[in-house]
Protein backbone atom coordinates (compact mmCIF):
# COMPACT_ATOMS: atom_id res chain seq x y z
CA MET A 1 -42.95 20.44 -37.31
CA SER A 2 -40.57 21.79 -34.71
CA LYS A 3 -36.83 21.78 -35.31
CA GLU A 4 -36.34 19.26 -32.52
CA THR A 5 -38.84 16.90 -34.15
CA ALA A 6 -37.12 17.39 -37.51
CA VAL A 7 -33.78 16.31 -36.01
CA ILE A 8 -35.34 13.16 -34.54
CA THR A 9 -37.18 12.32 -37.76
CA LEU A 10 -34.13 12.87 -39.98
CA GLY A 11 -31.99 10.80 -37.63
CA PHE A 12 -34.54 7.99 -37.73
CA LEU A 13 -34.61 8.11 -41.54
CA VAL A 14 -30.82 7.88 -41.69
CA ILE A 15 -30.95 4.82 -39.42
CA ILE A 16 -33.60 2.93 -41.40
CA MET A 17 -32.46 3.97 -44.90
CA PRO A 18 -30.22 0.90 -45.46
CA PHE A 19 -33.19 -1.40 -44.78
CA LEU A 20 -35.75 0.21 -47.11
CA GLY A 21 -34.60 -1.49 -50.30
CA PHE A 22 -33.65 1.57 -52.34
CA PRO A 23 -30.92 1.20 -54.96
CA GLU A 24 -27.49 2.14 -53.63
CA ALA A 25 -27.27 5.38 -55.64
CA TRP A 26 -30.66 6.55 -54.31
CA ARG A 27 -29.75 5.50 -50.78
CA THR A 28 -26.51 7.49 -50.96
CA GLY A 29 -28.37 10.52 -52.29
CA PHE A 30 -31.05 10.33 -49.59
CA ILE A 31 -28.49 9.96 -46.81
CA PHE A 32 -26.57 12.95 -48.18
CA ILE A 33 -29.74 15.08 -48.30
CA PHE A 34 -30.79 13.99 -44.79
CA GLY A 35 -27.29 14.77 -43.50
CA VAL A 36 -27.32 18.26 -45.00
CA ALA A 37 -30.79 18.85 -43.56
CA LEU A 38 -29.57 17.73 -40.12
CA VAL A 39 -26.66 20.17 -40.30
CA VAL A 40 -28.93 23.06 -41.32
CA VAL A 41 -31.53 22.34 -38.64
CA GLY A 42 -28.78 21.88 -36.05
CA PHE A 43 -27.28 25.23 -37.03
CA PHE A 44 -30.65 26.96 -36.59
CA LEU A 45 -31.20 25.26 -33.22
CA ARG A 46 -27.78 26.38 -31.99
CA THR A 47 -28.39 29.94 -33.22
CA GLU A 48 -31.72 30.08 -31.37
CA PHE A 49 -30.14 28.62 -28.23
CA MET A 50 -27.29 31.15 -28.25
CA ALA A 51 -29.70 34.06 -28.80
CA ARG A 52 -31.92 32.86 -25.94
CA ARG A 53 -28.88 32.43 -23.71
CA ARG A 54 -27.61 35.95 -24.45
CA LYS A 55 -31.09 37.38 -23.84
CA GLU A 56 -31.22 35.69 -20.43
CA GLY A 57 -27.80 37.07 -19.55
CA GLY A 58 -26.00 33.78 -19.89
CA VAL A 59 -22.48 33.26 -21.05
CA ASP A 60 -21.94 32.53 -24.74
CA SER A 61 -18.31 31.53 -24.41
CA SER A 62 -16.80 28.46 -22.85
CA TYR A 63 -13.89 30.38 -21.29
CA MET A 64 -14.41 31.96 -17.89
CA GLU A 65 -11.86 34.68 -18.69
CA ASN A 66 -14.24 36.05 -21.31
CA ASN A 67 -17.06 36.61 -18.82
CA ASN A 68 -15.65 39.82 -17.34
CA PHE A 69 -16.94 38.95 -13.86
CA HIS A 70 -14.50 41.21 -12.04
CA ARG A 71 -15.56 44.29 -13.96
CA ARG A 72 -19.25 43.60 -13.25
CA ASP A 73 -18.49 43.14 -9.55
CA GLU A 74 -16.46 46.35 -9.44
CA GLN A 75 -19.20 48.26 -11.24
CA ALA A 76 -21.88 46.91 -8.88
CA GLN A 77 -19.79 47.81 -5.84
CA HIS A 78 -19.17 51.31 -7.25
CA GLU A 79 -22.92 51.77 -7.78
CA GLU A 80 -23.59 50.63 -4.21
CA ASN A 81 -21.00 53.02 -2.79
CA THR A 82 -22.18 56.02 -4.83
CA GLY A 83 -25.90 55.22 -4.69
CA THR A 84 -26.26 55.27 -8.48
CA HIS A 85 -28.24 52.11 -9.31
CA ASN A 86 -29.55 51.64 -12.83
C-alpha cells in the first residue's frame, strides 16, 4: 500500500469509527492509533517530497531571501564572461 493510500484509508477509518459500534474506550484507542499513524505517514511523505524537491533543484524554504538567487546569477554571468562553464 502506498503512503498516499494509507493516508486516505486512515482518514476514512477515523471518519467512520464513531459509527462502528465499538465501546468508547476502544474507539478512543483506535482513533489515537490512527492519528499517530497519520502523523508518521505524513512525516514520511513530507520527507520524500522535500528530498525530491532538493534533487530537482527546487527551493526547500518558503522565504525568497534564502534562495540566494543573486549569487547564482552573478556566478553564471562570471562564467559567461570568463568562458568557464561547468
